[in-house]
Amino acid sequence: MFLKRYKSTENSKKTFVIIHGLGEHSGRYKFLIDILLDIDYQVITFDLPGHGVSEGPKGYIKSFYKIYKFIEEITPEKFILFGHSMGGLIALRYTEYSNKKPEKLILSSPAVGKLYTAFHKILLSTIGWMGKISINNGIDPKDLCHDEKAIKEYLDDPLVHNKIAFKTAKQLFSEAEKALEEAENVDIPVLLQYGESDKIIKVDSCNELAKKFKTLVIQKHKYAKHEIFNEPRYKDKYISNILEFIN
């Protein structure tokens, strides 16, 4: 996996790890990286397998559990973990699964709960040798946000794709259910942000998720879609919520 570490000084005061979502890449979070560098955080980012400049067929993740192990390997003893969409799912499942917990967890529009239909379940039960074959991931760029410029940048980005492999989808659906089921075991502070007009994830599942955490800061942005950080009406508040939470 492509890995990059950012530092503004030699002895950064804290470490912040970013996990991107399905079909995108870590470079789309430069807006957040720059803000964190300004307050002297070390930032660690990586491109998931089959995403960005990491190796593998587009949209193909062989094992989510290898990603959890990878996060354990690249992080210091103390760090803050952030994930958006599928990255939010990975961040949450990592926290539930690993003994090496982050100090704080930030979930941005996390993909949790029952994401599949009966048709999906039948289809994925027969994948067999087709595990690496990719199909359209179903994300409509118009559902990302209300900012036409941000949508165009997403569509024009050569490292963004709309693929998901059958095996990735099967794991995604399974891990999303586990994430919601086991969330009550998370005993670190959590910041949960999502838009109530999001059509890409399950808003009802996020509402349910919020009830399970012991220490929670929740921000529901009423008219926001999936990428709150690209919503003209909410992006400043989205960032200020993160800064208040980590400091």
C-alpha atoms as a PDB file:
ATOM      1  CA  MET A   1       0.000   0.000   0.000  1.00  0.00           C
ATOM      2  CA  PHE A   2       1.124   3.532  -0.802  1.00  0.00           C
ATOM      3  CA  LEU A   3       1.998   5.223   2.496  1.00  0.00           C
ATOM      4  CA  LYS A   4       2.877   8.855   3.184  1.00  0.00           C
ATOM      5  CA  ARG A   5       3.823  10.679   6.377  1.00  0.00           C
ATOM      6  CA  TYR A   6       3.613  14.456   6.724  1.00  0.00           C
ATOM      7  CA  LYS A   7       5.428  16.584   9.333  1.00  0.00           C
ATOM      8  CA  SER A   8       5.837  20.327   9.759  1.00  0.00           C
ATOM      9  CA  THR A   9       8.391  19.936  12.577  1.00  0.00           C
ATOM     10  CA  GLU A  10      10.713  17.143  13.652  1.00  0.00           C
ATOM     11  CA  ASN A  11       8.908  16.532  16.952  1.00  0.00           C
ATOM     12  CA  SER A  12       5.205  16.744  16.150  1.00  0.00           C
ATOM     13  CA  LYS A  13       3.019  16.842  19.224  1.00  0.00           C
ATOM     14  CA  LYS A  14       0.493  14.222  18.059  1.00  0.00           C
ATOM     15  CA  THR A  15      -0.241  11.813  15.201  1.00  0.00           C
ATOM     16  CA  PHE A  16      -3.385  11.812  13.075  1.00  0.00           C
ATOM     17  CA  VAL A  17      -4.165   8.875  10.729  1.00  0.00           C
ATOM     18  CA  ILE A  18      -6.527   9.308   7.759  1.00  0.00           C
ATOM     19  CA  ILE A  19      -8.385   6.473   5.992  1.00  0.00           C
ATOM     20  CA  HIS A  20     -10.148   7.379   2.742  1.00  0.00           C
ATOM     21  CA  GLY A  21     -13.357   5.924   1.327  1.00  0.00           C
ATOM     22  CA  LEU A  22     -14.395   3.604  -1.491  1.00  0.00           C
ATOM     23  CA  GLY A  23     -13.181   4.536  -4.969  1.00  0.00           C
ATOM     24  CA  GLU A  24     -11.125   7.532  -3.845  1.00  0.00           C
ATOM     25  CA  HIS A  25      -7.613   8.055  -2.456  1.00  0.00           C
ATOM     26  CA  SER A  26      -5.693   9.728   0.363  1.00  0.00           C
ATOM     27  CA  GLY A  27      -4.722  12.756  -1.748  1.00  0.00           C
ATOM     28  CA  ARG A  28      -8.303  14.035  -1.585  1.00  0.00           C
ATOM     29  CA  TYR A  29      -7.722  14.925   2.092  1.00  0.00           C
ATOM     30  CA  LYS A  30      -5.042  17.565   1.495  1.00  0.00           C
ATOM     31  CA  PHE A  31      -7.427  20.182   2.923  1.00  0.00           C
ATOM     32  CA  LEU A  32      -7.357  18.367   6.276  1.00  0.00           C
ATOM     33  CA  ILE A  33      -3.663  17.480   6.124  1.00  0.00           C
ATOM     34  CA  ASP A  34      -2.685  21.141   5.673  1.00  0.00           C
ATOM     35  CA  ILE A  35      -4.804  22.230   8.641  1.00  0.00           C
ATOM     36  CA  LEU A  36      -3.297  19.548  10.867  1.00  0.00           C
ATOM     37  CA  LEU A  37       0.264  20.431   9.833  1.00  0.00           C
ATOM     38  CA  ASP A  38      -0.418  24.039  10.814  1.00  0.00           C
ATOM     39  CA  ILE A  39      -1.128  22.903  14.384  1.00  0.00           C
ATOM     40  CA  ASP A  40       1.982  20.676  14.452  1.00  0.00           C
ATOM     41  CA  TYR A  41       0.439  17.232  13.985  1.00  0.00           C
ATOM     42  CA  GLN A  42       2.161  14.395  12.183  1.00  0.00           C
ATOM     43  CA  VAL A  43      -0.277  13.025   9.576  1.00  0.00           C
ATOM     44  CA  ILE A  44      -0.178   9.477   8.220  1.00  0.00           C
ATOM     45  CA  THR A  45      -2.144   8.578   5.100  1.00  0.00           C
ATOM     46  CA  PHE A  46      -2.267   5.566   2.816  1.00  0.00           C
ATOM     47  CA  ASP A  47      -4.124   4.373  -0.266  1.00  0.00           C
ATOM     48  CA  LEU A  48      -6.150   1.208   0.280  1.00  0.00           C
ATOM     49  CA  PRO A  49      -5.391  -1.773  -1.995  1.00  0.00           C
ATOM     50  CA  GLY A  50      -6.929  -1.271  -5.429  1.00  0.00           C
ATOM     51  CA  HIS A  51      -7.191   2.483  -4.789  1.00  0.00           C
ATOM     52  CA  GLY A  52      -5.108   5.535  -5.643  1.00  0.00           C
ATOM     53  CA  VAL A  53      -1.546   4.509  -6.473  1.00  0.00           C
ATOM     54  CA  SER A  54      -1.562   1.324  -4.384  1.00  0.00           C
ATOM     55  CA  GLU A  55      -1.214  -1.982  -6.201  1.00  0.00           C
ATOM     56  CA  GLY A  56      -4.033  -4.331  -7.163  1.00  0.00           C
ATOM     57  CA  PRO A  57      -7.093  -4.460  -9.424  1.00  0.00           C
ATOM     58  CA  LYS A  58      -9.347  -1.440  -9.048  1.00  0.00           C
ATOM     59  CA  GLY A  59     -11.660  -1.784  -6.065  1.00  0.00           C
ATOM     60  CA  TYR A  60     -10.150  -5.094  -4.907  1.00  0.00           C
ATOM     61  CA  ILE A  61      -9.295  -5.486  -1.214  1.00  0.00           C
ATOM     62  CA  LYS A  62      -8.216  -9.030  -0.429  1.00  0.00           C
ATOM     63  CA  SER A  63      -8.619  -8.793   3.339  1.00  0.00           C
ATOM     64  CA  PHE A  64      -9.906  -6.041   5.608  1.00  0.00           C
ATOM     65  CA  TYR A  65      -8.101  -7.763   8.482  1.00  0.00           C
ATOM     66  CA  LYS A  66      -4.750  -7.269   6.751  1.00  0.00           C
ATOM     67  CA  ILE A  67      -5.570  -3.571   6.666  1.00  0.00           C
ATOM     68  CA  TYR A  68      -6.229  -3.605  10.421  1.00  0.00           C
ATOM     69  CA  LYS A  69      -2.800  -5.243  10.937  1.00  0.00           C
ATOM     70  CA  PHE A  70      -1.231  -2.667   8.627  1.00  0.00           C
ATOM     71  CA  ILE A  71      -2.644   0.167  10.748  1.00  0.00           C
ATOM     72  CA  GLU A  72      -1.121  -1.443  13.857  1.00  0.00           C
ATOM     73  CA  GLU A  73       2.266  -1.553  12.108  1.00  0.00           C
ATOM     74  CA  ILE A  74       2.376   2.049  10.852  1.00  0.00           C
ATOM     75  CA  THR A  75       1.080   3.850  13.931  1.00  0.00           C
ATOM     76  CA  PRO A  76       2.914   5.008  17.078  1.00  0.00           C
ATOM     77  CA  GLU A  77       1.625   4.082  20.507  1.00  0.00           C
ATOM     78  CA  LYS A  78      -0.600   7.169  20.635  1.00  0.00           C
ATOM     79  CA  PHE A  79      -2.589   8.402  17.645  1.00  0.00           C
ATOM     80  CA  ILE A  80      -5.957   9.765  16.544  1.00  0.00           C
ATOM     81  CA  LEU A  81      -7.808   7.787  13.876  1.00  0.00           C
ATOM     82  CA  PHE A  82     -10.051   9.352  11.212  1.00  0.00           C
ATOM     83  CA  GLY A  83     -12.045   7.555   8.528  1.00  0.00           C
ATOM     84  CA  HIS A  84     -14.564   8.680   5.923  1.00  0.00           C
ATOM     85  CA  SER A  85     -17.314   6.438   4.478  1.00  0.00           C
ATOM     86  CA  MET A  86     -15.759   2.972   3.948  1.00  0.00           C
ATOM     87  CA  GLY A  87     -12.716   4.444   5.678  1.00  0.00           C
ATOM     88  CA  GLY A  88     -14.983   5.219   8.630  1.00  0.00           C
ATOM     89  CA  LEU A  89     -16.060   1.595   8.683  1.00  0.00           C
ATOM     90  CA  ILE A  90     -12.416   0.458   8.618  1.00  0.00           C
ATOM     91  CA  ALA A  91     -11.493   2.912  11.377  1.00  0.00           C
ATOM     92  CA  LEU A  92     -14.355   1.703  13.574  1.00  0.00           C
ATOM     93  CA  ARG A  93     -13.721  -1.994  12.947  1.00  0.00           C
ATOM     94  CA  TYR A  94     -10.009  -1.494  13.603  1.00  0.00           C
ATOM     95  CA  THR A  95     -10.852   0.089  16.969  1.00  0.00           C
ATOM     96  CA  GLU A  96     -13.199  -2.778  17.826  1.00  0.00           C
ATOM     97  CA  TYR A  97     -10.766  -5.472  16.664  1.00  0.00           C
ATOM     98  CA  SER A  98      -7.262  -4.325  17.603  1.00  0.00           C
ATOM     99  CA  ASN A  99      -5.691  -4.254  21.057  1.00  0.00           C
ATOM    100  CA  LYS A 100      -3.748  -1.145  19.983  1.00  0.00           C
ATOM    101  CA  LYS A 101      -6.485   1.457  20.335  1.00  0.00           C
ATOM    102  CA  PRO A 102      -6.366   5.045  19.075  1.00  0.00           C
ATOM    103  CA  GLU A 103      -6.702   7.802  21.677  1.00  0.00           C
ATOM    104  CA  LYS A 104      -9.694   9.236  19.831  1.00  0.00           C
ATOM    105  CA  LEU A 105     -11.818   8.113  16.883  1.00  0.00           C
ATOM    106  CA  ILE A 106     -13.365  10.360  14.221  1.00  0.00           C
ATOM    107  CA  LEU A 107     -16.052   8.868  11.977  1.00  0.00           C
ATOM    108  CA  SER A 108     -17.129  10.847   8.932  1.00  0.00           C
ATOM    109  CA  SER A 109     -20.262   9.484   7.204  1.00  0.00           C
ATOM    110  CA  PRO A 110     -19.312   5.893   8.151  1.00  0.00           C
ATOM    111  CA  ALA A 111     -20.660   2.975   6.116  1.00  0.00           C
ATOM    112  CA  VAL A 112     -22.148   0.780   8.856  1.00  0.00           C
ATOM    113  CA  GLY A 113     -25.147  -1.466   9.362  1.00  0.00           C
ATOM    114  CA  LYS A 114     -26.987  -3.526   6.776  1.00  0.00           C
ATOM    115  CA  LEU A 115     -25.841  -2.105   3.441  1.00  0.00           C
ATOM    116  CA  TYR A 116     -27.023  -4.907   1.166  1.00  0.00           C
ATOM    117  CA  THR A 117     -30.306  -6.053  -0.359  1.00  0.00           C
ATOM    118  CA  ALA A 118     -31.564  -9.626  -0.714  1.00  0.00           C
ATOM    119  CA  PHE A 119     -30.304  -9.567  -4.320  1.00  0.00           C
ATOM    120  CA  HIS A 120     -26.823  -8.567  -3.179  1.00  0.00           C
ATOM    121  CA  LYS A 121     -26.778 -11.435  -0.673  1.00  0.00           C
ATOM    122  CA  ILE A 122     -27.713 -14.016  -3.320  1.00  0.00           C
ATOM    123  CA  LEU A 123     -25.207 -12.607  -5.813  1.00  0.00           C
ATOM    124  CA  LEU A 124     -22.308 -12.495  -3.356  1.00  0.00           C
ATOM    125  CA  SER A 125     -22.987 -16.006  -2.069  1.00  0.00           C
ATOM    126  CA  THR A 126     -22.022 -17.322  -5.517  1.00  0.00           C
ATOM    127  CA  ILE A 127     -18.878 -15.275  -6.209  1.00  0.00           C
ATOM    128  CA  GLY A 128     -16.338 -18.139  -6.113  1.00  0.00           C
ATOM    129  CA  TRP A 129     -13.624 -17.454  -8.683  1.00  0.00           C
ATOM    130  CA  MET A 130     -15.166 -14.072  -9.521  1.00  0.00           C
ATOM    131  CA  GLY A 131     -13.833 -12.465  -6.337  1.00  0.00           C
ATOM    132  CA  LYS A 132     -11.429 -10.127  -8.145  1.00  0.00           C
ATOM    133  CA  ILE A 133     -13.941  -9.090 -10.799  1.00  0.00           C
ATOM    134  CA  SER A 134     -15.082  -5.501 -10.320  1.00  0.00           C
ATOM    135  CA  ILE A 135     -18.444  -3.910 -10.952  1.00  0.00           C
ATOM    136  CA  ASN A 136     -19.727  -0.336 -10.608  1.00  0.00           C
ATOM    137  CA  ASN A 137     -19.726   0.653  -6.929  1.00  0.00           C
ATOM    138  CA  GLY A 138     -23.051   2.444  -7.288  1.00  0.00           C
ATOM    139  CA  ILE A 139     -21.831   5.833  -6.046  1.00  0.00           C
ATOM    140  CA  ASP A 140     -23.523   8.654  -7.960  1.00  0.00           C
ATOM    141  CA  PRO A 141     -21.193  11.700  -7.845  1.00  0.00           C
ATOM    142  CA  LYS A 142     -24.264  13.946  -7.567  1.00  0.00           C
ATOM    143  CA  ASP A 143     -24.913  12.375  -4.159  1.00  0.00           C
ATOM    144  CA  LEU A 144     -21.540  13.494  -2.774  1.00  0.00           C
ATOM    145  CA  CYS A 145     -22.374  17.131  -2.051  1.00  0.00           C
ATOM    146  CA  HIS A 146     -24.139  20.263  -3.308  1.00  0.00           C
ATOM    147  CA  ASP A 147     -20.941  21.841  -4.698  1.00  0.00           C
ATOM    148  CA  GLU A 148     -20.761  21.431  -8.500  1.00  0.00           C
ATOM    149  CA  LYS A 149     -17.064  22.365  -8.557  1.00  0.00           C
ATOM    150  CA  ALA A 150     -16.195  19.665  -6.016  1.00  0.00           C
ATOM    151  CA  ILE A 151     -18.182  17.097  -8.015  1.00  0.00           C
ATOM    152  CA  LYS A 152     -16.323  18.059 -11.210  1.00  0.00           C
ATOM    153  CA  GLU A 153     -12.970  17.721  -9.446  1.00  0.00           C
ATOM    154  CA  TYR A 154     -14.014  14.268  -8.256  1.00  0.00           C
ATOM    155  CA  LEU A 155     -15.003  13.226 -11.794  1.00  0.00           C
ATOM    156  CA  ASP A 156     -11.807  14.684 -13.312  1.00  0.00           C
ATOM    157  CA  ASP A 157      -9.496  13.096 -10.726  1.00  0.00           C
ATOM    158  CA  PRO A 158      -7.505  10.332 -12.512  1.00  0.00           C
ATOM    159  CA  LEU A 159      -7.029   8.425  -9.240  1.00  0.00           C
ATOM    160  CA  VAL A 160     -10.753   8.223  -8.472  1.00  0.00           C
ATOM    161  CA  HIS A 161     -12.661   5.216  -9.838  1.00  0.00           C
ATOM    162  CA  ASN A 162     -16.161   3.736  -9.539  1.00  0.00           C
ATOM    163  CA  LYS A 163     -15.176   0.083  -9.068  1.00  0.00           C
ATOM    164  CA  ILE A 164     -15.688  -2.483  -6.329  1.00  0.00           C
ATOM    165  CA  ALA A 165     -14.675  -6.139  -6.567  1.00  0.00           C
ATOM    166  CA  PHE A 166     -17.134  -8.868  -5.568  1.00  0.00           C
ATOM    167  CA  LYS A 167     -14.865 -10.027  -2.727  1.00  0.00           C
ATOM    168  CA  THR A 168     -14.481  -6.467  -1.450  1.00  0.00           C
ATOM    169  CA  ALA A 169     -18.244  -5.963  -1.477  1.00  0.00           C
ATOM    170  CA  LYS A 170     -18.830  -9.197   0.422  1.00  0.00           C
ATOM    171  CA  GLN A 171     -16.339  -8.182   3.128  1.00  0.00           C
ATOM    172  CA  LEU A 172     -17.689  -4.630   3.230  1.00  0.00           C
ATOM    173  CA  PHE A 173     -21.229  -5.805   3.920  1.00  0.00           C
ATOM    174  CA  SER A 174     -20.076  -8.272   6.587  1.00  0.00           C
ATOM    175  CA  GLU A 175     -17.781  -5.810   8.373  1.00  0.00           C
ATOM    176  CA  ALA A 176     -20.424  -3.065   8.248  1.00  0.00           C
ATOM    177  CA  GLU A 177     -22.848  -5.238  10.203  1.00  0.00           C
ATOM    178  CA  LYS A 178     -20.165  -6.244  12.721  1.00  0.00           C
ATOM    179  CA  ALA A 179     -19.166  -2.607  13.185  1.00  0.00           C
ATOM    180  CA  LEU A 180     -22.660  -1.646  14.275  1.00  0.00           C
ATOM    181  CA  GLU A 181     -23.123  -4.744  16.431  1.00  0.00           C
ATOM    182  CA  GLU A 182     -19.855  -4.299  18.358  1.00  0.00           C
ATOM    183  CA  ALA A 183     -19.801  -0.492  18.653  1.00  0.00           C
ATOM    184  CA  GLU A 184     -20.889  -0.621  22.305  1.00  0.00           C
ATOM    185  CA  ASN A 185     -17.461  -2.110  23.107  1.00  0.00           C
ATOM    186  CA  VAL A 186     -15.687   1.093  22.001  1.00  0.00           C
ATOM    187  CA  ASP A 187     -14.638   2.965  25.153  1.00  0.00           C
ATOM    188  CA  ILE A 188     -12.632   5.863  23.716  1.00  0.00           C
ATOM    189  CA  PRO A 189     -13.988   9.320  22.766  1.00  0.00           C
ATOM    190  CA  VAL A 190     -15.737   9.322  19.379  1.00  0.00           C
ATOM    191  CA  LEU A 191     -16.681  12.186  17.067  1.00  0.00           C
ATOM    192  CA  LEU A 192     -19.427  11.148  14.651  1.00  0.00           C
ATOM    193  CA  GLN A 193     -20.374  13.475  11.779  1.00  0.00           C
ATOM    194  CA  TYR A 194     -22.821  12.735   8.983  1.00  0.00           C
ATOM    195  CA  GLY A 195     -25.357  14.428   6.751  1.00  0.00           C
ATOM    196  CA  GLU A 196     -29.036  13.716   7.145  1.00  0.00           C
ATOM    197  CA  SER A 197     -29.476  13.989   3.349  1.00  0.00           C
ATOM    198  CA  ASP A 198     -26.843  11.304   2.653  1.00  0.00           C
ATOM    199  CA  LYS A 199     -27.988   8.712   0.086  1.00  0.00           C
ATOM    200  CA  ILE A 200     -24.694   6.785  -0.085  1.00  0.00           C
ATOM    201  CA  ILE A 201     -24.652   5.395   3.459  1.00  0.00           C
ATOM    202  CA  LYS A 202     -27.509   4.372   5.770  1.00  0.00           C
ATOM    203  CA  VAL A 203     -28.442   7.407   7.871  1.00  0.00           C
ATOM    204  CA  ASP A 204     -30.681   5.269  10.104  1.00  0.00           C
ATOM    205  CA  SER A 205     -27.670   3.061  10.892  1.00  0.00           C
ATOM    206  CA  CYS A 206     -25.645   6.133  11.895  1.00  0.00           C
ATOM    207  CA  ASN A 207     -28.481   7.176  14.198  1.00  0.00           C
ATOM    208  CA  GLU A 208     -28.402   3.706  15.749  1.00  0.00           C
ATOM    209  CA  LEU A 209     -24.606   3.768  15.956  1.00  0.00           C
ATOM    210  CA  ALA A 210     -24.704   7.018  17.926  1.00  0.00           C
ATOM    211  CA  LYS A 211     -26.678   5.331  20.715  1.00  0.00           C
ATOM    212  CA  LYS A 212     -23.968   2.721  21.315  1.00  0.00           C
ATOM    213  CA  PHE A 213     -20.884   4.785  22.125  1.00  0.00           C
ATOM    214  CA  LYS A 214     -20.007   5.535  25.743  1.00  0.00           C
ATOM    215  CA  THR A 215     -18.288   8.878  25.041  1.00  0.00           C
ATOM    216  CA  LEU A 216     -19.661  10.610  21.964  1.00  0.00           C
ATOM    217  CA  VAL A 217     -19.687  13.975  20.265  1.00  0.00           C
ATOM    218  CA  ILE A 218     -22.284  13.843  17.487  1.00  0.00           C
ATOM    219  CA  GLN A 219     -22.868  16.368  14.730  1.00  0.00           C
ATOM    220  CA  LYS A 220     -25.765  15.723  12.351  1.00  0.00           C
ATOM    221  CA  HIS A 221     -25.735  18.217   9.489  1.00  0.00           C
ATOM    222  CA  LYS A 222     -29.349  18.505   8.369  1.00  0.00           C
ATOM    223  CA  TYR A 223     -29.092  19.237   4.637  1.00  0.00           C
ATOM    224  CA  ALA A 224     -25.622  17.813   4.020  1.00  0.00           C
ATOM    225  CA  LYS A 225     -24.976  14.937   1.660  1.00  0.00           C
ATOM    226  CA  HIS A 226     -22.114  12.418   1.906  1.00  0.00           C
ATOM    227  CA  GLU A 227     -19.017  14.637   1.794  1.00  0.00           C
ATOM    228  CA  ILE A 228     -19.739  17.251   4.442  1.00  0.00           C
ATOM    229  CA  PHE A 229     -16.224  18.631   3.982  1.00  0.00           C
ATOM    230  CA  ASN A 230     -17.257  19.685   0.452  1.00  0.00           C
ATOM    231  CA  GLU A 231     -20.588  21.208   1.465  1.00  0.00           C
ATOM    232  CA  PRO A 232     -20.392  25.041   1.205  1.00  0.00           C
ATOM    233  CA  ARG A 233     -22.888  25.387   4.043  1.00  0.00           C
ATOM    234  CA  TYR A 234     -21.197  23.005   6.472  1.00  0.00           C
ATOM    235  CA  LYS A 235     -17.510  22.504   5.661  1.00  0.00           C
ATOM    236  CA  ASP A 236     -16.205  25.174   8.076  1.00  0.00           C
ATOM    237  CA  LYS A 237     -18.240  23.687  10.925  1.00  0.00           C
ATOM    238  CA  TYR A 238     -17.067  20.182   9.938  1.00  0.00           C
ATOM    239  CA  ILE A 239     -13.431  21.253  10.348  1.00  0.00           C
ATOM    240  CA  SER A 240     -14.026  23.228  13.539  1.00  0.00           C
ATOM    241  CA  ASN A 241     -15.745  20.181  15.070  1.00  0.00           C
ATOM    242  CA  ILE A 242     -12.655  18.090  14.372  1.00  0.00           C
ATOM    243  CA  LEU A 243     -10.263  20.682  15.785  1.00  0.00           C
ATOM    244  CA  GLU A 244     -12.328  21.152  18.941  1.00  0.00           C
ATOM    245  CA  PHE A 245     -12.535  17.392  19.414  1.00  0.00           C
ATOM    246  CA  ILE A 246      -8.807  16.670  19.057  1.00  0.00           C
ATOM    247  CA  ASN A 247      -7.652  19.638  21.119  1.00  0.00           C
END
